[in-house]
Every structure is written in C-alpha cells, then in structure tokens.
Amino acid sequence: MKEFLEWAKKGGPEAKLASRLDPEKLPRHIAVIMDGNGRWARKRLLPRAAGHRAGVRSVRETIEACCRLGIDALTLYAFSAENWKRPRSEVETLWDLLSHYLRKELDELKANNVRFQVIGRIEALPRRAQDDIDFAIVETAANTGLRLNIALNYGGRAEIIDAVNSVLAQARQTDGEARVTEASFREHLYSPDIPDPDLLIRTSGEMRISNFLLWQIAYAEIFVTERLWPDFRAIDLLEAIEDFQKRERRFGGLGPDQPNAETEAAPALASASTSSDYVE
C-alpha cells in the first residue's frame, strides 16, 4: 500500500481512496471482464478498433496499480472463444495490438517484476501472436511479483471440458479409474497454481459473466461498473476494492454476528418442553 501511495498523486482522489483501504484485506486475485471498447468508439463516431486501442491504456494502468497495491494475481479477459465471430478485420487488429503491446511493454513488465501468463486454447492463435506470447512468458518466468494472466481464445466451458479430457487421458495412461476430487480436478485447469479470484470486476454495466472462469469464480465477489473499459482507471479499481472490503464473505457459512444454529435452537426447544400447550 505504501508503494501505491507513493505512486499516486499526493492529495489526489486515488491516494485519498487508497488510504481508506485495509491493506490486510486486499483481494489476492482480481479478475476483470474488459467490456465496452466498441461502445466507447461508437459514442465518438470512431471505428471499433479505436476503442480497442484506447483500452490498452486501461490495461497498462490497471496492471501498474495492482503491482503497487501488492495484488498477487490479475486475470484479464482479452479475447473469448466466441470473439472469432467478429469481423475478420477487428480480430486481426486485436492480434496486432497484442503483439505491439507485448513488444512495447515487456521491459516495463520485467521492471515491475510481473510474471506474464496466458490461459485459453492458444494453439488456435496466429503464429506471430503465439511467438510473442511464448517470448514474454519465458522472459518473465523468473519474476516473483504480480502474476498477470491474460485469457485469450478462452471459454470457461472449454476449460472445464479440456480439464475433463485431461483427467480421462491421465486415467488411460495409468490404467486407473477417472475418480476426482475438487482439489485433483483443479490440477487440470489452465492455471492451477493461481488462487481463485476473490473479486470479479465487469465494466460497461452488463450483468453477466460471459463464460469467464466458471469453475474459479464460485465464491468471487462481483462488482459491476457502468464505466466503459477505455475509461477505466486506477480510481475505478480502488472503488471496486473498497466495495469488496465492505462485504462479508461467508463461503456458505454463518457470519460472525450470527448465532450458531444449534445454540439458537436450544432455548426454543427448552421453551417448548415447558409450555402448557405442549402435547406429547
């Protein structure tokens, strides 16, 4: 947190909001559905590609803010398996932007101790994009700071299917039964070493999760902002974290201010047994 306060403009809204956060209750893993690039461009009578280009600044600022805050992992939903349905020119622009970003920002990622990783069916990406991704992964593999996870050609259902097929393939190789637990199944997901997201952020106001990290977000807190992705800044990230810290995470149990069901039931049973209306 100290590093973020030093990075943020002194006395600015980011610094004021960050000073209200509890550094002991920061989410370990933040996942973001980056939505709204097309609408941002349309509002300005620009081509959709302009929205994607403008969104790069938001990616850069979000990564740096997470680094300064000491967040363990950040997963950005960059290209879904369904996005291939978009016009070919738009898809090609996205791959060009990815290659340009990696080449331009790699030194900055290394300087910030960021470890770059990718999830999704990467083998379907253009060869040049695959080469740039592989290079960035190798170059940052030894870094120990923020784990930056980019979802490319990704679908939550596809990830689960790939995991199931991996379990079955492993069982065939060992002549064993394909019996799994949640823990053992997790080992077959795309990034088993990264903890599940604590906080899922979606921009542009859409109230859906769009086939993103279906297994991993089982207990994630969801924050939706009307902000379009190209307008998303560090202050918006901080607002999402502040909202996250106000929530009570029970994971299916009771909150600390709620009595245990057994202790709550005991007085009621005692009262019933001594009531004159009690009939055996």
C-alpha atoms as a PDB file:
ATOM      1  CA  MET A   1       0.000   0.000   0.000  1.00  0.00           C
ATOM      2  CA  LYS A   2       2.880   2.357   0.801  1.00  0.00           C
ATOM      3  CA  GLU A   3       4.229   1.869  -2.709  1.00  0.00           C
ATOM      4  CA  PHE A   4       0.848   2.724  -4.219  1.00  0.00           C
ATOM      5  CA  LEU A   5       0.540   5.889  -2.135  1.00  0.00           C
ATOM      6  CA  GLU A   6       3.990   6.943  -3.303  1.00  0.00           C
ATOM      7  CA  TRP A   7       2.974   6.254  -6.918  1.00  0.00           C
ATOM      8  CA  ALA A   8      -0.406   8.020  -6.744  1.00  0.00           C
ATOM      9  CA  LYS A   9      -0.617  11.788  -6.961  1.00  0.00           C
ATOM     10  CA  LYS A  10      -0.251  13.169  -3.441  1.00  0.00           C
ATOM     11  CA  GLY A  11      -3.566  14.516  -2.230  1.00  0.00           C
ATOM     12  CA  GLY A  12      -5.333  13.196  -5.314  1.00  0.00           C
ATOM     13  CA  PRO A  13      -8.520  11.087  -5.246  1.00  0.00           C
ATOM     14  CA  GLU A  14      -6.577   7.844  -5.787  1.00  0.00           C
ATOM     15  CA  ALA A  15      -4.335   8.496  -2.786  1.00  0.00           C
ATOM     16  CA  LYS A  16      -7.295   9.507  -0.589  1.00  0.00           C
ATOM     17  CA  LEU A  17      -9.278   6.405  -1.504  1.00  0.00           C
ATOM     18  CA  ALA A  18      -6.272   4.090  -1.155  1.00  0.00           C
ATOM     19  CA  SER A  19      -5.599   5.441   2.342  1.00  0.00           C
ATOM     20  CA  ARG A  20      -9.068   4.208   3.379  1.00  0.00           C
ATOM     21  CA  LEU A  21      -8.374   0.637   2.315  1.00  0.00           C
ATOM     22  CA  ASP A  22      -7.311  -2.080   4.738  1.00  0.00           C
ATOM     23  CA  PRO A  23      -4.013  -3.465   3.389  1.00  0.00           C
ATOM     24  CA  GLU A  24      -4.691  -6.725   5.260  1.00  0.00           C
ATOM     25  CA  LYS A  25      -7.957  -7.315   3.363  1.00  0.00           C
ATOM     26  CA  LEU A  26      -6.904  -6.760  -0.228  1.00  0.00           C
ATOM     27  CA  PRO A  27      -8.124  -9.381  -2.708  1.00  0.00           C
ATOM     28  CA  ARG A  28      -5.362 -11.814  -3.617  1.00  0.00           C
ATOM     29  CA  HIS A  29      -6.679 -12.338  -7.142  1.00  0.00           C
ATOM     30  CA  ILE A  30      -8.679  -9.845  -9.213  1.00  0.00           C
ATOM     31  CA  ALA A  31     -10.321 -10.898 -12.484  1.00  0.00           C
ATOM     32  CA  VAL A  32     -11.646  -8.372 -14.985  1.00  0.00           C
ATOM     33  CA  ILE A  33     -14.096  -8.691 -17.873  1.00  0.00           C
ATOM     34  CA  MET A  34     -12.915  -5.785 -20.031  1.00  0.00           C
ATOM     35  CA  ASP A  35     -16.097  -4.748 -21.816  1.00  0.00           C
ATOM     36  CA  GLY A  36     -17.223  -1.646 -23.651  1.00  0.00           C
ATOM     37  CA  ASN A  37     -14.494  -0.897 -26.205  1.00  0.00           C
ATOM     38  CA  GLY A  38     -16.957  -0.944 -29.109  1.00  0.00           C
ATOM     39  CA  ARG A  39     -19.494   1.270 -27.351  1.00  0.00           C
ATOM     40  CA  TRP A  40     -16.753   3.706 -26.364  1.00  0.00           C
ATOM     41  CA  ALA A  41     -15.751   4.042 -30.021  1.00  0.00           C
ATOM     42  CA  ARG A  42     -19.346   4.267 -31.263  1.00  0.00           C
ATOM     43  CA  LYS A  43     -20.090   7.161 -28.910  1.00  0.00           C
ATOM     44  CA  ARG A  44     -17.233   9.044 -30.533  1.00  0.00           C
ATOM     45  CA  LEU A  45     -18.164   8.026 -34.090  1.00  0.00           C
ATOM     46  CA  LEU A  46     -14.920   6.075 -34.352  1.00  0.00           C
ATOM     47  CA  PRO A  47     -14.236   2.571 -35.685  1.00  0.00           C
ATOM     48  CA  ARG A  48     -14.317  -0.253 -33.138  1.00  0.00           C
ATOM     49  CA  ALA A  49     -10.540  -0.652 -33.499  1.00  0.00           C
ATOM     50  CA  ALA A  50     -10.125   2.785 -31.919  1.00  0.00           C
ATOM     51  CA  GLY A  51     -11.879   1.519 -28.808  1.00  0.00           C
ATOM     52  CA  HIS A  52      -9.534  -1.460 -28.564  1.00  0.00           C
ATOM     53  CA  ARG A  53      -6.516   0.815 -28.928  1.00  0.00           C
ATOM     54  CA  ALA A  54      -7.856   3.167 -26.243  1.00  0.00           C
ATOM     55  CA  GLY A  55      -8.370   0.183 -23.948  1.00  0.00           C
ATOM     56  CA  VAL A  56      -4.626  -0.510 -23.887  1.00  0.00           C
ATOM     57  CA  ARG A  57      -4.129   2.465 -21.560  1.00  0.00           C
ATOM     58  CA  SER A  58      -6.608   0.959 -19.114  1.00  0.00           C
ATOM     59  CA  VAL A  59      -4.746  -2.353 -19.242  1.00  0.00           C
ATOM     60  CA  ARG A  60      -1.463  -0.599 -18.519  1.00  0.00           C
ATOM     61  CA  GLU A  61      -2.845   1.456 -15.617  1.00  0.00           C
ATOM     62  CA  THR A  62      -4.685  -1.485 -14.054  1.00  0.00           C
ATOM     63  CA  ILE A  63      -1.568  -3.655 -14.158  1.00  0.00           C
ATOM     64  CA  GLU A  64       0.584  -0.965 -12.601  1.00  0.00           C
ATOM     65  CA  ALA A  65      -1.971  -0.207  -9.900  1.00  0.00           C
ATOM     66  CA  CYS A  66      -2.178  -3.906  -8.981  1.00  0.00           C
ATOM     67  CA  CYS A  67       1.613  -4.075  -8.826  1.00  0.00           C
ATOM     68  CA  ARG A  68       1.765  -1.068  -6.492  1.00  0.00           C
ATOM     69  CA  LEU A  69      -1.026  -2.417  -4.288  1.00  0.00           C
ATOM     70  CA  GLY A  70       0.696  -5.768  -3.919  1.00  0.00           C
ATOM     71  CA  ILE A  71      -2.075  -7.831  -5.528  1.00  0.00           C
ATOM     72  CA  ASP A  72      -0.940 -11.427  -6.132  1.00  0.00           C
ATOM     73  CA  ALA A  73      -2.750 -12.128  -9.415  1.00  0.00           C
ATOM     74  CA  LEU A  74      -4.680 -10.278 -12.107  1.00  0.00           C
ATOM     75  CA  THR A  75      -6.620 -12.066 -14.844  1.00  0.00           C
ATOM     76  CA  LEU A  76      -7.829 -10.020 -17.821  1.00  0.00           C
ATOM     77  CA  TYR A  77     -10.440 -11.403 -20.224  1.00  0.00           C
ATOM     78  CA  ALA A  78      -8.969 -10.196 -23.517  1.00  0.00           C
ATOM     79  CA  PHE A  79     -10.429 -12.486 -26.197  1.00  0.00           C
ATOM     80  CA  SER A  80     -13.142 -15.087 -25.749  1.00  0.00           C
ATOM     81  CA  ALA A  81     -13.590 -18.232 -27.819  1.00  0.00           C
ATOM     82  CA  GLU A  82     -16.757 -16.600 -29.161  1.00  0.00           C
ATOM     83  CA  ASN A  83     -14.948 -13.448 -30.329  1.00  0.00           C
ATOM     84  CA  TRP A  84     -13.884 -15.210 -33.540  1.00  0.00           C
ATOM     85  CA  LYS A  85     -17.419 -14.409 -34.757  1.00  0.00           C
ATOM     86  CA  ARG A  86     -16.481 -10.740 -35.042  1.00  0.00           C
ATOM     87  CA  PRO A  87     -15.379  -9.174 -38.366  1.00  0.00           C
ATOM     88  CA  ARG A  88     -12.045 -10.508 -39.544  1.00  0.00           C
ATOM     89  CA  SER A  89     -10.519  -7.016 -39.660  1.00  0.00           C
ATOM     90  CA  GLU A  90     -11.392  -6.448 -35.987  1.00  0.00           C
ATOM     91  CA  VAL A  91      -9.936  -9.789 -34.925  1.00  0.00           C
ATOM     92  CA  GLU A  92      -6.715  -9.113 -36.826  1.00  0.00           C
ATOM     93  CA  THR A  93      -6.498  -5.694 -35.158  1.00  0.00           C
ATOM     94  CA  LEU A  94      -6.702  -7.371 -31.758  1.00  0.00           C
ATOM     95  CA  TRP A  95      -3.799  -9.692 -32.570  1.00  0.00           C
ATOM     96  CA  ASP A  96      -1.767  -6.757 -33.875  1.00  0.00           C
ATOM     97  CA  LEU A  97      -2.468  -4.856 -30.657  1.00  0.00           C
ATOM     98  CA  LEU A  98      -1.432  -7.851 -28.567  1.00  0.00           C
ATOM     99  CA  SER A  99       1.890  -8.217 -30.402  1.00  0.00           C
ATOM    100  CA  HIS A 100       2.529  -4.471 -30.245  1.00  0.00           C
ATOM    101  CA  TYR A 101       1.708  -4.365 -26.534  1.00  0.00           C
ATOM    102  CA  LEU A 102       3.977  -7.259 -25.640  1.00  0.00           C
ATOM    103  CA  ARG A 103       6.909  -5.875 -27.580  1.00  0.00           C
ATOM    104  CA  LYS A 104       6.473  -2.358 -26.225  1.00  0.00           C
ATOM    105  CA  GLU A 105       5.607  -3.194 -22.626  1.00  0.00           C
ATOM    106  CA  LEU A 106       7.794  -6.220 -21.967  1.00  0.00           C
ATOM    107  CA  ASP A 107      10.627  -4.199 -20.422  1.00  0.00           C
ATOM    108  CA  GLU A 108       8.111  -2.446 -18.174  1.00  0.00           C
ATOM    109  CA  LEU A 109       6.608  -5.773 -17.110  1.00  0.00           C
ATOM    110  CA  LYS A 110      10.065  -7.046 -16.235  1.00  0.00           C
ATOM    111  CA  ALA A 111      10.930  -3.846 -14.355  1.00  0.00           C
ATOM    112  CA  ASN A 112       7.760  -4.246 -12.278  1.00  0.00           C
ATOM    113  CA  ASN A 113       8.575  -7.909 -11.536  1.00  0.00           C
ATOM    114  CA  VAL A 114       5.412  -9.079 -13.361  1.00  0.00           C
ATOM    115  CA  ARG A 115       5.129 -12.708 -14.424  1.00  0.00           C
ATOM    116  CA  PHE A 116       3.212 -12.933 -17.690  1.00  0.00           C
ATOM    117  CA  GLN A 117       0.961 -15.946 -18.298  1.00  0.00           C
ATOM    118  CA  VAL A 118      -1.832 -16.875 -20.715  1.00  0.00           C
ATOM    119  CA  ILE A 119      -4.872 -19.147 -20.411  1.00  0.00           C
ATOM    120  CA  GLY A 120      -7.048 -20.463 -23.235  1.00  0.00           C
ATOM    121  CA  ARG A 121      -6.656 -22.543 -26.359  1.00  0.00           C
ATOM    122  CA  ILE A 122      -3.544 -20.748 -27.507  1.00  0.00           C
ATOM    123  CA  GLU A 123      -2.745 -23.200 -30.286  1.00  0.00           C
ATOM    124  CA  ALA A 124      -5.512 -21.618 -32.398  1.00  0.00           C
ATOM    125  CA  LEU A 125      -3.932 -18.155 -32.326  1.00  0.00           C
ATOM    126  CA  PRO A 126      -1.926 -16.756 -35.254  1.00  0.00           C
ATOM    127  CA  ARG A 127       1.664 -17.959 -35.285  1.00  0.00           C
ATOM    128  CA  ARG A 128       3.107 -14.493 -34.703  1.00  0.00           C
ATOM    129  CA  ALA A 129       0.903 -13.962 -31.658  1.00  0.00           C
ATOM    130  CA  GLN A 130       1.948 -17.339 -30.276  1.00  0.00           C
ATOM    131  CA  ASP A 131       5.621 -16.479 -30.742  1.00  0.00           C
ATOM    132  CA  ASP A 132       5.241 -13.119 -28.962  1.00  0.00           C
ATOM    133  CA  ILE A 133       3.336 -14.786 -26.122  1.00  0.00           C
ATOM    134  CA  ASP A 134       5.926 -17.547 -25.712  1.00  0.00           C
ATOM    135  CA  PHE A 135       8.740 -14.989 -25.653  1.00  0.00           C
ATOM    136  CA  ALA A 136       7.028 -12.879 -22.972  1.00  0.00           C
ATOM    137  CA  ILE A 137       6.306 -15.958 -20.852  1.00  0.00           C
ATOM    138  CA  VAL A 138       9.940 -17.080 -20.977  1.00  0.00           C
ATOM    139  CA  GLU A 139      11.305 -13.578 -20.350  1.00  0.00           C
ATOM    140  CA  THR A 140       9.183 -13.076 -17.218  1.00  0.00           C
ATOM    141  CA  ALA A 141       9.173 -16.660 -15.884  1.00  0.00           C
ATOM    142  CA  ALA A 142      11.544 -15.882 -13.015  1.00  0.00           C
ATOM    143  CA  ASN A 143       9.618 -12.826 -11.810  1.00  0.00           C
ATOM    144  CA  THR A 144       8.018 -13.103  -8.381  1.00  0.00           C
ATOM    145  CA  GLY A 145       5.579 -10.174  -8.284  1.00  0.00           C
ATOM    146  CA  LEU A 146       2.136  -9.821  -9.826  1.00  0.00           C
ATOM    147  CA  ARG A 147       1.038 -12.814 -11.886  1.00  0.00           C
ATOM    148  CA  LEU A 148      -0.596 -11.330 -14.952  1.00  0.00           C
ATOM    149  CA  ASN A 149      -2.938 -13.862 -16.513  1.00  0.00           C
ATOM    150  CA  ILE A 150      -4.339 -12.973 -19.950  1.00  0.00           C
ATOM    151  CA  ALA A 151      -7.328 -15.001 -21.174  1.00  0.00           C
ATOM    152  CA  LEU A 152      -7.040 -15.482 -24.964  1.00  0.00           C
ATOM    153  CA  ASN A 153      -9.304 -17.674 -27.059  1.00  0.00           C
ATOM    154  CA  TYR A 154     -10.730 -18.565 -23.671  1.00  0.00           C
ATOM    155  CA  GLY A 155     -14.065 -20.015 -22.601  1.00  0.00           C
ATOM    156  CA  GLY A 156     -14.989 -21.261 -19.154  1.00  0.00           C
ATOM    157  CA  ARG A 157     -16.888 -24.253 -20.549  1.00  0.00           C
ATOM    158  CA  ALA A 158     -13.983 -25.103 -22.857  1.00  0.00           C
ATOM    159  CA  GLU A 159     -11.580 -25.016 -19.900  1.00  0.00           C
ATOM    160  CA  ILE A 160     -13.749 -27.471 -17.955  1.00  0.00           C
ATOM    161  CA  ILE A 161     -14.031 -29.762 -20.993  1.00  0.00           C
ATOM    162  CA  ASP A 162     -10.260 -29.638 -21.504  1.00  0.00           C
ATOM    163  CA  ALA A 163      -9.768 -30.467 -17.831  1.00  0.00           C
ATOM    164  CA  VAL A 164     -12.134 -33.454 -18.052  1.00  0.00           C
ATOM    165  CA  ASN A 165     -10.317 -34.744 -21.138  1.00  0.00           C
ATOM    166  CA  SER A 166      -7.015 -34.344 -19.321  1.00  0.00           C
ATOM    167  CA  VAL A 167      -8.346 -36.388 -16.388  1.00  0.00           C
ATOM    168  CA  LEU A 168      -9.510 -39.141 -18.744  1.00  0.00           C
ATOM    169  CA  ALA A 169      -6.208 -39.159 -20.635  1.00  0.00           C
ATOM    170  CA  GLN A 170      -4.296 -39.470 -17.385  1.00  0.00           C
ATOM    171  CA  ALA A 171      -6.522 -42.364 -16.292  1.00  0.00           C
ATOM    172  CA  ARG A 172      -5.927 -44.194 -19.581  1.00  0.00           C
ATOM    173  CA  GLN A 173      -2.171 -43.819 -19.241  1.00  0.00           C
ATOM    174  CA  THR A 174      -2.169 -45.284 -15.735  1.00  0.00           C
ATOM    175  CA  ASP A 175      -4.915 -47.865 -16.321  1.00  0.00           C
ATOM    176  CA  GLY A 176      -6.679 -46.346 -13.357  1.00  0.00           C
ATOM    177  CA  GLU A 177     -10.156 -45.051 -12.620  1.00  0.00           C
ATOM    178  CA  ALA A 178     -11.044 -41.474 -13.501  1.00  0.00           C
ATOM    179  CA  ARG A 179     -12.008 -40.555  -9.952  1.00  0.00           C
ATOM    180  CA  VAL A 180     -11.537 -36.922  -8.985  1.00  0.00           C
ATOM    181  CA  THR A 181     -11.961 -34.534  -6.106  1.00  0.00           C
ATOM    182  CA  GLU A 182     -12.262 -30.769  -6.394  1.00  0.00           C
ATOM    183  CA  ALA A 183      -8.584 -30.475  -5.491  1.00  0.00           C
ATOM    184  CA  SER A 184      -7.396 -33.060  -8.018  1.00  0.00           C
ATOM    185  CA  PHE A 185      -9.650 -31.657 -10.757  1.00  0.00           C
ATOM    186  CA  ARG A 186      -8.213 -28.205 -10.173  1.00  0.00           C
ATOM    187  CA  GLU A 187      -4.794 -29.528 -11.145  1.00  0.00           C
ATOM    188  CA  HIS A 188      -6.081 -29.999 -14.700  1.00  0.00           C
ATOM    189  CA  LEU A 189      -7.294 -26.409 -15.159  1.00  0.00           C
ATOM    190  CA  TYR A 190      -5.287 -23.933 -17.225  1.00  0.00           C
ATOM    191  CA  SER A 191      -3.662 -22.191 -14.236  1.00  0.00           C
ATOM    192  CA  PRO A 192      -3.942 -24.444 -11.176  1.00  0.00           C
ATOM    193  CA  ASP A 193      -1.211 -22.560  -9.298  1.00  0.00           C
ATOM    194  CA  ILE A 194      -3.176 -19.299  -9.202  1.00  0.00           C
ATOM    195  CA  PRO A 195      -5.753 -18.919  -6.391  1.00  0.00           C
ATOM    196  CA  ASP A 196      -9.402 -18.459  -7.315  1.00  0.00           C
ATOM    197  CA  PRO A 197     -10.457 -14.835  -7.864  1.00  0.00           C
ATOM    198  CA  ASP A 198     -11.682 -13.015  -4.783  1.00  0.00           C
ATOM    199  CA  LEU A 199     -13.036 -10.128  -6.833  1.00  0.00           C
ATOM    200  CA  LEU A 200     -14.537 -10.169 -10.332  1.00  0.00           C
ATOM    201  CA  ILE A 201     -14.928  -6.763 -11.999  1.00  0.00           C
ATOM    202  CA  ARG A 202     -17.053  -6.210 -15.089  1.00  0.00           C
ATOM    203  CA  THR A 203     -17.080  -2.915 -16.931  1.00  0.00           C
ATOM    204  CA  SER A 204     -19.814  -1.376 -19.135  1.00  0.00           C
ATOM    205  CA  GLY A 205     -22.683  -2.278 -16.801  1.00  0.00           C
ATOM    206  CA  GLU A 206     -23.527  -5.679 -18.264  1.00  0.00           C
ATOM    207  CA  MET A 207     -24.900  -8.108 -15.659  1.00  0.00           C
ATOM    208  CA  ARG A 208     -23.420 -11.380 -16.878  1.00  0.00           C
ATOM    209  CA  ILE A 209     -20.188 -13.340 -16.573  1.00  0.00           C
ATOM    210  CA  SER A 210     -19.839 -14.277 -20.253  1.00  0.00           C
ATOM    211  CA  ASN A 211     -18.409 -17.781 -19.851  1.00  0.00           C
ATOM    212  CA  PHE A 212     -15.455 -16.498 -17.813  1.00  0.00           C
ATOM    213  CA  LEU A 213     -13.683 -18.603 -15.170  1.00  0.00           C
ATOM    214  CA  LEU A 214     -16.835 -20.605 -14.461  1.00  0.00           C
ATOM    215  CA  TRP A 215     -15.092 -23.020 -12.093  1.00  0.00           C
ATOM    216  CA  GLN A 216     -12.930 -20.442 -10.341  1.00  0.00           C
ATOM    217  CA  ILE A 217     -15.464 -17.703  -9.532  1.00  0.00           C
ATOM    218  CA  ALA A 218     -17.716 -19.912  -7.414  1.00  0.00           C
ATOM    219  CA  TYR A 219     -17.211 -17.628  -4.395  1.00  0.00           C
ATOM    220  CA  ALA A 220     -15.905 -14.468  -6.050  1.00  0.00           C
ATOM    221  CA  GLU A 221     -17.442 -11.126  -5.118  1.00  0.00           C
ATOM    222  CA  ILE A 222     -18.800  -9.466  -8.263  1.00  0.00           C
ATOM    223  CA  PHE A 223     -18.513  -5.733  -8.897  1.00  0.00           C
ATOM    224  CA  VAL A 224     -20.162  -4.179 -11.963  1.00  0.00           C
ATOM    225  CA  THR A 225     -19.378  -0.638 -13.058  1.00  0.00           C
ATOM    226  CA  GLU A 226     -21.041   1.419 -15.782  1.00  0.00           C
ATOM    227  CA  ARG A 227     -17.587   2.646 -16.797  1.00  0.00           C
ATOM    228  CA  LEU A 228     -16.598   1.536 -20.296  1.00  0.00           C
ATOM    229  CA  TRP A 229     -13.248  -0.230 -20.371  1.00  0.00           C
ATOM    230  CA  PRO A 230     -11.261   2.519 -22.161  1.00  0.00           C
ATOM    231  CA  ASP A 231     -12.343   4.928 -19.385  1.00  0.00           C
ATOM    232  CA  PHE A 232     -11.416   2.538 -16.552  1.00  0.00           C
ATOM    233  CA  ARG A 233      -8.694   3.987 -14.323  1.00  0.00           C
ATOM    234  CA  ALA A 234      -6.930   3.245 -11.050  1.00  0.00           C
ATOM    235  CA  ILE A 235      -9.629   5.127  -9.132  1.00  0.00           C
ATOM    236  CA  ASP A 236     -12.236   2.703 -10.501  1.00  0.00           C
ATOM    237  CA  LEU A 237     -10.123  -0.257  -9.391  1.00  0.00           C
ATOM    238  CA  LEU A 238      -9.846   1.236  -5.917  1.00  0.00           C
ATOM    239  CA  GLU A 239     -13.615   1.772  -5.730  1.00  0.00           C
ATOM    240  CA  ALA A 240     -14.143  -1.891  -6.583  1.00  0.00           C
ATOM    241  CA  ILE A 241     -11.685  -2.944  -3.878  1.00  0.00           C
ATOM    242  CA  GLU A 242     -13.310  -0.637  -1.329  1.00  0.00           C
ATOM    243  CA  ASP A 243     -16.702  -2.181  -2.124  1.00  0.00           C
ATOM    244  CA  PHE A 244     -15.138  -5.648  -1.807  1.00  0.00           C
ATOM    245  CA  GLN A 245     -13.795  -4.843   1.656  1.00  0.00           C
ATOM    246  CA  LYS A 246     -17.252  -3.835   2.864  1.00  0.00           C
ATOM    247  CA  ARG A 247     -18.717  -7.228   2.055  1.00  0.00           C
ATOM    248  CA  GLU A 248     -18.982 -10.164   4.427  1.00  0.00           C
ATOM    249  CA  ARG A 249     -17.565 -13.294   2.811  1.00  0.00           C
ATOM    250  CA  ARG A 250     -19.161 -16.373   4.395  1.00  0.00           C
ATOM    251  CA  PHE A 251     -18.424 -19.112   1.828  1.00  0.00           C
ATOM    252  CA  GLY A 252     -21.714 -20.807   2.689  1.00  0.00           C
ATOM    253  CA  GLY A 253     -21.306 -20.475   6.469  1.00  0.00           C
ATOM    254  CA  LEU A 254     -22.677 -18.002   9.007  1.00  0.00           C
ATOM    255  CA  GLY A 255     -21.387 -14.516   9.578  1.00  0.00           C
ATOM    256  CA  PRO A 256     -19.530 -13.698  12.820  1.00  0.00           C
ATOM    257  CA  ASP A 257     -22.528 -11.716  14.112  1.00  0.00           C
ATOM    258  CA  GLN A 258     -24.990 -14.582  13.593  1.00  0.00           C
ATOM    259  CA  PRO A 259     -25.561 -17.226  16.300  1.00  0.00           C
ATOM    260  CA  ASN A 260     -24.848 -20.847  15.596  1.00  0.00           C
ATOM    261  CA  ALA A 261     -27.986 -22.713  14.532  1.00  0.00           C
ATOM    262  CA  GLU A 262     -27.577 -25.317  17.309  1.00  0.00           C
ATOM    263  CA  THR A 263     -27.201 -22.752  20.104  1.00  0.00           C
ATOM    264  CA  GLU A 264     -30.074 -20.767  18.678  1.00  0.00           C
ATOM    265  CA  ALA A 265     -32.344 -23.828  18.646  1.00  0.00           C
ATOM    266  CA  ALA A 266     -31.604 -24.925  22.237  1.00  0.00           C
ATOM    267  CA  PRO A 267     -33.589 -22.161  24.035  1.00  0.00           C
ATOM    268  CA  ALA A 268     -36.503 -22.675  21.679  1.00  0.00           C
ATOM    269  CA  LEU A 269     -36.636 -26.404  22.474  1.00  0.00           C
ATOM    270  CA  ALA A 270     -36.396 -25.754  26.185  1.00  0.00           C
ATOM    271  CA  SER A 271     -39.231 -23.264  25.985  1.00  0.00           C
ATOM    272  CA  ALA A 272     -41.392 -25.701  24.043  1.00  0.00           C
ATOM    273  CA  SER A 273     -40.842 -28.513  26.543  1.00  0.00           C
ATOM    274  CA  THR A 274     -42.115 -26.385  29.461  1.00  0.00           C
ATOM    275  CA  SER A 275     -45.048 -24.821  27.653  1.00  0.00           C
ATOM    276  CA  SER A 276     -48.526 -25.663  28.939  1.00  0.00           C
ATOM    277  CA  ASP A 277     -49.635 -26.078  25.337  1.00  0.00           C
ATOM    278  CA  TYR A 278     -47.171 -28.883  24.739  1.00  0.00           C
ATOM    279  CA  VAL A 279     -48.902 -32.165  23.884  1.00  0.00           C
ATOM    280  CA  GLU A 280     -46.978 -35.429  23.885  1.00  0.00           C
END
